[in-house]
Amino acid sequence: MVQVSVLDLIPVRQGQSTGHAVAASVSLAKVADRAGCTRYWVAEHHNTPAIASTNPPVLIGMLASQTSQLIVGSGGVMLPNHAPLVIAEQFALLEAAFPGRIDLGIGRAPGTDPVTSWALRGGTDDQTLVEFPNWVEQVIAMLGPTGVQADIGTRRVAIHSTPAPTSVPAVWLLGSSDYSARLAARLGLPYVFAHHFTGEGTDQALALYRHEYRGEGRPTTFITVNVVVGREPGEAERLARPHLYSIANLRLGRPLEPLMSVEEAETAVPPVSEESLAALASPWLIGEAHEVAEAIFALADRFTVDEVMIQPVAGNYRDDPQSINRAREYAVKELATRLVDSR
């Protein structure tokens, strides 16, 4: 029994407008909704031409309004970029509009370069290392009925995110280190480790989270993984190359430019050796639908989870429509059919 969820960074390919990239993700979310996926999360990234997901709350509102069953959320909001009250207000409003269908996933990284991060904070110094646990607790408190007590002058006042909340979004803590695992355990929050980054450290982080969990009930977690699904043997490897090249350039310190087409990636000079590309792709699940589905079952068993969040990272062919990514939609539909229907 494996629940399937989707992580989306709203990728942008060469020659594609932001509007078309967002339209492609709306179309993908509709496919996920119809296929019976559990949740659909969008990430926060800034100043990156290859990624259009700069504002998760705006995107969540758009996606939730175009779907009916999906839990739509952030994977995640980068809390150091925002005042806790702003995030609490945004997600309280989304929860009011779509009750029971909103997740607030919180991350600690800036999601951008140092200069852009400085600008997002209004030119102030980065206080993340000291304040992050306090910010998380403030968001949680302001989403609830009691709010946060603050001293303003000689008065002590309560700050809330909405006038009369009737429900609150589920708050998740995201991370790629032991720090986030320990904090999620201490606060009793659901936790997700970014397994799709490198495929390393997941066992240790989840074991630490489960061992130190201090919340009510069972600790709640799932894993994330990059997937590429082809319709025939060898196609998935071709579809994977545009995103692989992009990740390789990122590791080399180069900017993330809009993604090449599959055909362009086949004729371009690889940014790194084939051996290095293979190493980057080693934690990805690449193949035909039945092969990737079996690999997901194996991952779920390995990490003792009943939910897997896939990030479909297939590229586009040169003549594909601008507002649809057929390969990503195929991956979500086919994997959900095999995994969700198994229940």
Protein backbone atom coordinates (compact mmCIF):
# COMPACT_ATOMS: atom_id res chain seq x y z
CA MET A 1 0.00 0.00 0.00
CA VAL A 2 1.74 3.16 -1.23
CA GLN A 3 0.24 6.61 -1.47
CA VAL A 4 1.66 8.74 -4.29
CA SER A 5 2.24 12.48 -3.98
CA VAL A 6 3.91 14.99 -6.31
CA LEU A 7 6.64 17.61 -5.81
CA ASP A 8 6.80 20.36 -8.45
CA LEU A 9 9.37 23.13 -8.91
CA ILE A 10 7.49 24.54 -11.95
CA PRO A 11 10.37 23.93 -14.40
CA VAL A 12 10.87 26.34 -17.30
CA ARG A 13 12.28 25.17 -20.61
CA GLN A 14 14.00 27.22 -23.28
CA GLY A 15 11.62 29.53 -25.12
CA GLN A 16 8.84 28.96 -22.59
CA SER A 17 7.14 31.85 -20.79
CA THR A 18 6.40 31.80 -17.07
CA GLY A 19 2.70 31.72 -17.87
CA HIS A 20 3.08 28.59 -19.99
CA ALA A 21 5.26 26.94 -17.32
CA VAL A 22 2.59 27.58 -14.68
CA ALA A 23 -0.11 26.33 -17.06
CA ALA A 24 1.85 23.10 -17.52
CA SER A 25 1.95 22.62 -13.75
CA VAL A 26 -1.78 23.31 -13.42
CA SER A 27 -2.34 20.63 -16.06
CA LEU A 28 -0.04 18.24 -14.16
CA ALA A 29 -1.90 18.89 -10.90
CA LYS A 30 -5.19 18.04 -12.61
CA VAL A 31 -3.70 14.75 -13.79
CA ALA A 32 -2.51 14.01 -10.24
CA ASP A 33 -5.96 14.87 -8.86
CA ARG A 34 -7.76 12.54 -11.26
CA ALA A 35 -5.20 9.77 -10.69
CA GLY A 36 -5.84 9.67 -6.93
CA CYS A 37 -2.59 11.20 -5.71
CA THR A 38 -2.55 12.33 -2.07
CA ARG A 39 -0.80 15.70 -2.15
CA TYR A 40 0.85 18.16 -4.53
CA TRP A 41 3.60 20.42 -3.19
CA VAL A 42 5.37 23.35 -4.82
CA ALA A 43 8.79 24.62 -3.75
CA GLU A 44 10.16 28.13 -3.22
CA HIS A 45 13.09 29.24 -5.36
CA HIS A 46 14.22 32.72 -6.39
CA ASN A 47 16.30 34.34 -9.13
CA THR A 48 16.50 31.08 -11.09
CA PRO A 49 15.50 31.18 -14.78
CA ALA A 50 14.91 27.41 -14.86
CA ILE A 51 12.33 27.47 -12.04
CA ALA A 52 9.08 29.47 -11.84
CA SER A 53 8.00 28.54 -8.31
CA THR A 54 8.90 31.79 -6.59
CA ASN A 55 5.75 32.15 -4.49
CA PRO A 56 4.20 28.97 -3.05
CA PRO A 57 1.08 30.58 -1.47
CA VAL A 58 0.05 32.15 -4.79
CA LEU A 59 0.64 28.89 -6.64
CA ILE A 60 -1.17 26.85 -3.98
CA GLY A 61 -4.26 29.01 -4.37
CA MET A 62 -4.18 28.54 -8.14
CA LEU A 63 -3.65 24.78 -7.93
CA ALA A 64 -6.20 24.16 -5.19
CA SER A 65 -8.85 26.07 -7.15
CA GLN A 66 -8.25 23.84 -10.19
CA THR A 67 -8.39 20.52 -8.31
CA SER A 68 -10.89 18.86 -6.00
CA GLN A 69 -9.25 16.12 -3.94
CA LEU A 70 -5.54 16.91 -3.70
CA ILE A 71 -3.95 18.26 -0.55
CA VAL A 72 -1.95 21.19 -1.95
CA GLY A 73 1.02 22.60 -0.07
CA SER A 74 4.52 24.00 0.06
CA GLY A 75 7.58 21.85 -0.27
CA GLY A 76 8.51 24.19 1.12
CA VAL A 77 8.17 27.79 2.19
CA MET A 78 11.65 29.04 3.08
CA LEU A 79 10.83 30.65 6.41
CA PRO A 80 14.01 32.78 6.75
CA ASN A 81 12.74 34.82 3.78
CA HIS A 82 9.48 35.85 5.45
CA ALA A 83 7.99 37.25 8.64
CA PRO A 84 6.24 34.42 10.53
CA LEU A 85 2.96 36.40 10.64
CA VAL A 86 2.93 36.75 6.85
CA ILE A 87 3.24 32.99 6.39
CA ALA A 88 0.64 32.29 9.08
CA GLU A 89 -1.81 34.71 7.47
CA GLN A 90 -1.27 33.36 3.97
CA PHE A 91 -1.76 29.73 4.93
CA ALA A 92 -4.63 30.45 7.32
CA LEU A 93 -6.41 32.15 4.44
CA LEU A 94 -5.70 29.23 2.10
CA GLU A 95 -7.00 26.81 4.74
CA ALA A 96 -10.15 28.92 5.14
CA ALA A 97 -10.75 28.76 1.39
CA PHE A 98 -9.85 25.05 1.01
CA PRO A 99 -10.41 23.45 4.44
CA GLY A 100 -8.53 20.21 4.99
CA ARG A 101 -6.64 20.54 1.72
CA ILE A 102 -3.65 22.73 2.68
CA ASP A 103 -0.17 21.71 3.87
CA LEU A 104 2.41 24.18 5.15
CA GLY A 105 5.82 22.65 4.60
CA ILE A 106 8.58 24.79 6.13
CA GLY A 107 12.23 24.80 5.11
CA ARG A 108 15.32 26.43 6.61
CA ALA A 109 17.40 27.11 3.47
CA PRO A 110 17.03 30.43 1.63
CA GLY A 111 16.22 28.82 -1.71
CA THR A 112 18.43 31.26 -3.59
CA ASP A 113 21.81 32.96 -3.76
CA PRO A 114 23.14 35.10 -0.86
CA VAL A 115 22.41 38.45 -2.55
CA THR A 116 18.80 37.56 -3.34
CA SER A 117 18.39 36.16 0.16
CA TRP A 118 19.64 39.46 1.59
CA ALA A 119 17.12 41.35 -0.56
CA LEU A 120 14.25 39.10 0.53
CA ARG A 121 15.06 39.88 4.16
CA GLY A 122 14.92 43.61 3.42
CA GLY A 123 18.67 44.06 3.70
CA THR A 124 18.90 42.71 7.25
CA ASP A 125 21.42 40.22 8.62
CA ASP A 126 20.60 36.52 8.48
CA GLN A 127 19.39 35.33 11.89
CA THR A 128 18.38 31.81 10.79
CA LEU A 129 20.83 29.87 12.95
CA VAL A 130 19.55 31.56 16.10
CA GLU A 131 15.89 32.27 15.36
CA PHE A 132 14.61 29.47 13.13
CA PRO A 133 13.07 27.30 15.92
CA ASN A 134 11.36 30.40 17.34
CA TRP A 135 9.99 31.36 13.93
CA VAL A 136 8.53 27.88 13.42
CA GLU A 137 6.86 27.95 16.81
CA GLN A 138 5.50 31.45 16.15
CA VAL A 139 3.91 30.34 12.88
CA ILE A 140 2.27 27.34 14.58
CA ALA A 141 0.98 29.48 17.45
CA MET A 142 -0.39 32.19 15.16
CA LEU A 143 -2.26 29.60 13.12
CA GLY A 144 -4.09 28.45 16.26
CA PRO A 145 -6.74 30.13 18.40
CA THR A 146 -4.42 31.47 21.10
CA GLY A 147 -1.95 33.27 18.85
CA VAL A 148 1.35 34.72 19.99
CA GLN A 149 1.68 37.02 22.97
CA ALA A 150 3.81 40.08 22.18
CA ASP A 151 4.92 43.08 24.24
CA ILE A 152 4.34 46.32 22.35
CA GLY A 153 5.30 49.32 24.42
CA THR A 154 3.58 48.87 27.76
CA ARG A 155 0.92 46.53 26.41
CA ARG A 156 0.85 42.76 26.00
CA VAL A 157 -1.24 41.74 23.01
CA ALA A 158 -2.15 38.57 21.14
CA ILE A 159 -1.34 38.28 17.44
CA HIS A 160 -3.45 35.89 15.34
CA SER A 161 -3.40 34.94 11.68
CA THR A 162 -7.16 35.18 11.13
CA PRO A 163 -10.12 36.65 13.04
CA ALA A 164 -11.85 33.29 13.53
CA PRO A 165 -9.96 30.18 12.35
CA THR A 166 -12.07 27.03 12.27
CA SER A 167 -9.26 24.74 11.09
CA VAL A 168 -5.51 24.96 10.60
CA PRO A 169 -3.27 23.63 7.83
CA ALA A 170 -1.00 20.71 8.59
CA VAL A 171 2.51 22.01 9.36
CA TRP A 172 5.45 19.91 8.14
CA LEU A 173 9.14 20.48 8.71
CA LEU A 174 11.41 19.79 5.75
CA GLY A 175 15.12 19.24 5.78
CA SER A 176 18.26 17.67 4.42
CA SER A 177 20.21 17.37 7.67
CA ASP A 178 20.00 16.03 11.22
CA TYR A 179 19.16 19.53 12.45
CA SER A 180 15.67 19.53 10.93
CA ALA A 181 15.05 15.93 11.98
CA ARG A 182 15.81 16.78 15.62
CA LEU A 183 13.71 19.95 15.56
CA ALA A 184 10.72 18.19 14.00
CA ALA A 185 10.98 15.46 16.62
CA ARG A 186 11.20 17.96 19.48
CA LEU A 187 8.20 19.96 18.22
CA GLY A 188 6.18 16.85 17.40
CA LEU A 189 5.80 17.84 13.74
CA PRO A 190 5.54 15.66 10.64
CA TYR A 191 8.90 15.57 8.88
CA VAL A 192 10.20 14.97 5.36
CA PHE A 193 13.85 14.46 4.48
CA ALA A 194 14.92 15.61 0.99
CA HIS A 195 15.89 12.18 -0.30
CA HIS A 196 15.62 13.45 -3.89
CA PHE A 197 18.66 15.74 -3.39
CA THR A 198 21.37 13.08 -3.31
CA GLY A 199 19.77 9.91 -1.99
CA GLU A 200 22.15 9.97 0.98
CA GLY A 201 21.55 10.41 4.70
CA THR A 202 17.88 9.43 4.60
CA ASP A 203 18.18 6.33 6.80
CA GLN A 204 19.99 8.23 9.53
CA ALA A 205 17.68 11.27 9.46
CA LEU A 206 14.47 9.23 9.61
CA ALA A 207 15.84 6.98 12.35
CA LEU A 208 16.84 10.02 14.38
CA TYR A 209 13.43 11.64 13.88
CA ARG A 210 11.54 8.52 14.90
CA HIS A 211 13.75 7.86 17.92
CA GLU A 212 13.54 11.40 19.31
CA TYR A 213 9.89 12.13 18.40
CA ARG A 214 8.03 13.77 21.28
CA GLY A 215 4.64 14.50 19.70
CA GLU A 216 1.28 12.83 20.13
CA GLY A 217 0.59 9.68 18.14
CA ARG A 218 3.05 8.17 15.71
CA PRO A 219 5.79 10.14 13.94
CA THR A 220 4.67 10.98 10.40
CA THR A 221 7.01 11.01 7.44
CA PHE A 222 7.42 10.04 3.80
CA ILE A 223 10.23 10.16 1.26
CA THR A 224 10.85 12.14 -1.92
CA VAL A 225 12.44 10.82 -5.11
CA ASN A 226 13.13 12.02 -8.66
CA VAL A 227 11.45 9.91 -11.35
CA VAL A 228 11.59 9.72 -15.13
CA VAL A 229 9.24 7.32 -16.91
CA GLY A 230 9.53 6.35 -20.58
CA ARG A 231 6.97 4.67 -22.80
CA GLU A 232 9.53 2.31 -24.33
CA PRO A 233 12.99 0.96 -23.47
CA GLY A 234 15.64 3.67 -23.49
CA GLU A 235 13.27 6.63 -23.69
CA ALA A 236 13.47 7.47 -19.98
CA GLU A 237 17.24 7.90 -20.21
CA ARG A 238 16.76 10.40 -23.05
CA LEU A 239 14.06 12.29 -21.12
CA ALA A 240 16.31 12.52 -18.05
CA ARG A 241 19.25 14.26 -19.74
CA PRO A 242 17.94 17.88 -19.79
CA HIS A 243 17.41 17.91 -16.02
CA LEU A 244 20.62 15.98 -15.41
CA TYR A 245 22.58 18.60 -17.34
CA SER A 246 20.89 21.31 -15.29
CA ILE A 247 21.85 19.67 -11.99
CA ALA A 248 25.40 19.12 -13.22
CA ASN A 249 25.72 22.82 -14.07
CA LEU A 250 24.37 23.72 -10.63
CA ARG A 251 27.03 21.55 -8.97
CA LEU A 252 29.65 23.37 -11.07
CA GLY A 253 28.44 26.73 -9.73
CA ARG A 254 26.83 27.79 -12.99
CA PRO A 255 23.40 29.47 -13.19
CA LEU A 256 20.36 27.29 -13.78
CA GLU A 257 19.28 28.34 -17.27
CA PRO A 258 15.94 27.21 -18.80
CA LEU A 259 16.01 23.53 -19.62
CA MET A 260 17.15 22.21 -22.98
CA SER A 261 14.83 20.10 -25.08
CA VAL A 262 15.54 16.38 -25.25
CA GLU A 263 16.93 16.82 -28.75
CA GLU A 264 19.21 19.67 -27.70
CA ALA A 265 20.55 17.68 -24.77
CA GLU A 266 21.37 14.79 -27.09
CA THR A 267 23.60 16.97 -29.29
CA ALA A 268 25.06 19.28 -26.62
CA VAL A 269 28.45 18.73 -25.04
CA PRO A 270 27.79 17.25 -21.57
CA PRO A 271 28.84 19.58 -18.73
CA VAL A 272 30.55 16.68 -16.95
CA SER A 273 31.67 13.17 -17.84
CA GLU A 274 29.20 10.36 -18.44
CA GLU A 275 30.45 8.74 -15.24
CA SER A 276 29.61 11.90 -13.29
CA LEU A 277 26.17 12.10 -14.90
CA ALA A 278 25.53 8.48 -13.95
CA ALA A 279 26.52 9.25 -10.35
CA LEU A 280 24.12 12.20 -10.24
CA ALA A 281 21.30 10.03 -11.58
CA SER A 282 22.02 7.07 -9.29
CA PRO A 283 19.32 7.95 -6.71
CA TRP A 284 16.77 8.72 -9.44
CA LEU A 285 14.25 6.13 -10.59
CA ILE A 286 14.52 5.98 -14.39
CA GLY A 287 12.80 3.43 -16.62
CA GLU A 288 9.47 2.18 -17.87
CA ALA A 289 6.42 2.54 -15.63
CA HIS A 290 6.44 -0.99 -14.25
CA GLU A 291 10.16 -0.74 -13.40
CA VAL A 292 9.83 2.60 -11.59
CA ALA A 293 6.72 1.44 -9.73
CA GLU A 294 8.56 -1.62 -8.42
CA ALA A 295 11.47 0.58 -7.35
CA ILE A 296 9.06 2.84 -5.44
CA PHE A 297 7.61 -0.17 -3.63
CA ALA A 298 11.16 -1.14 -2.68
CA LEU A 299 11.93 2.37 -1.39
CA ALA A 300 8.74 2.41 0.68
CA ASP A 301 9.72 -0.91 2.25
CA ARG A 302 13.30 0.22 2.86
CA PHE A 303 12.29 3.40 4.70
CA THR A 304 9.10 1.97 6.26
CA VAL A 305 6.76 4.57 4.79
CA ASP A 306 3.38 4.27 3.12
CA GLU A 307 3.70 7.46 1.05
CA VAL A 308 6.23 8.43 -1.59
CA MET A 309 6.41 11.92 -3.11
CA ILE A 310 7.69 11.79 -6.67
CA GLN A 311 9.29 14.69 -8.48
CA PRO A 312 8.77 14.01 -12.20
CA VAL A 313 11.80 15.55 -13.91
CA ALA A 314 11.40 14.42 -17.52
CA GLY A 315 12.30 16.89 -20.23
CA ASN A 316 10.30 17.97 -23.25
CA TYR A 317 10.71 17.23 -26.91
CA ARG A 318 11.29 20.23 -29.17
CA ASP A 319 7.78 20.17 -30.67
CA ASP A 320 5.85 19.55 -27.45
CA PRO A 321 3.16 22.13 -26.57
CA GLN A 322 4.35 25.00 -24.37
CA SER A 323 1.59 24.61 -21.78
CA ILE A 324 1.87 20.83 -21.24
CA ASN A 325 4.67 18.49 -20.26
CA ARG A 326 3.51 15.19 -21.66
CA ALA A 327 6.27 13.09 -20.15
CA ARG A 328 5.72 14.42 -16.62
CA GLU A 329 1.98 13.82 -16.93
CA TYR A 330 2.57 10.31 -18.22
CA ALA A 331 4.83 9.53 -15.25
CA VAL A 332 2.29 10.73 -12.67
CA LYS A 333 -0.64 8.96 -14.31
CA GLU A 334 1.14 5.65 -14.86
CA LEU A 335 2.78 5.48 -11.44
CA ALA A 336 -0.38 6.46 -9.60
CA THR A 337 -2.31 3.81 -11.53
CA ARG A 338 0.13 1.13 -10.44
CA LEU A 339 0.71 2.29 -6.86
CA VAL A 340 -2.57 3.86 -5.77
CA ASP A 341 -4.65 1.12 -7.34
CA SER A 342 -2.59 -1.42 -5.40
CA ARG A 343 -4.50 -0.39 -2.29
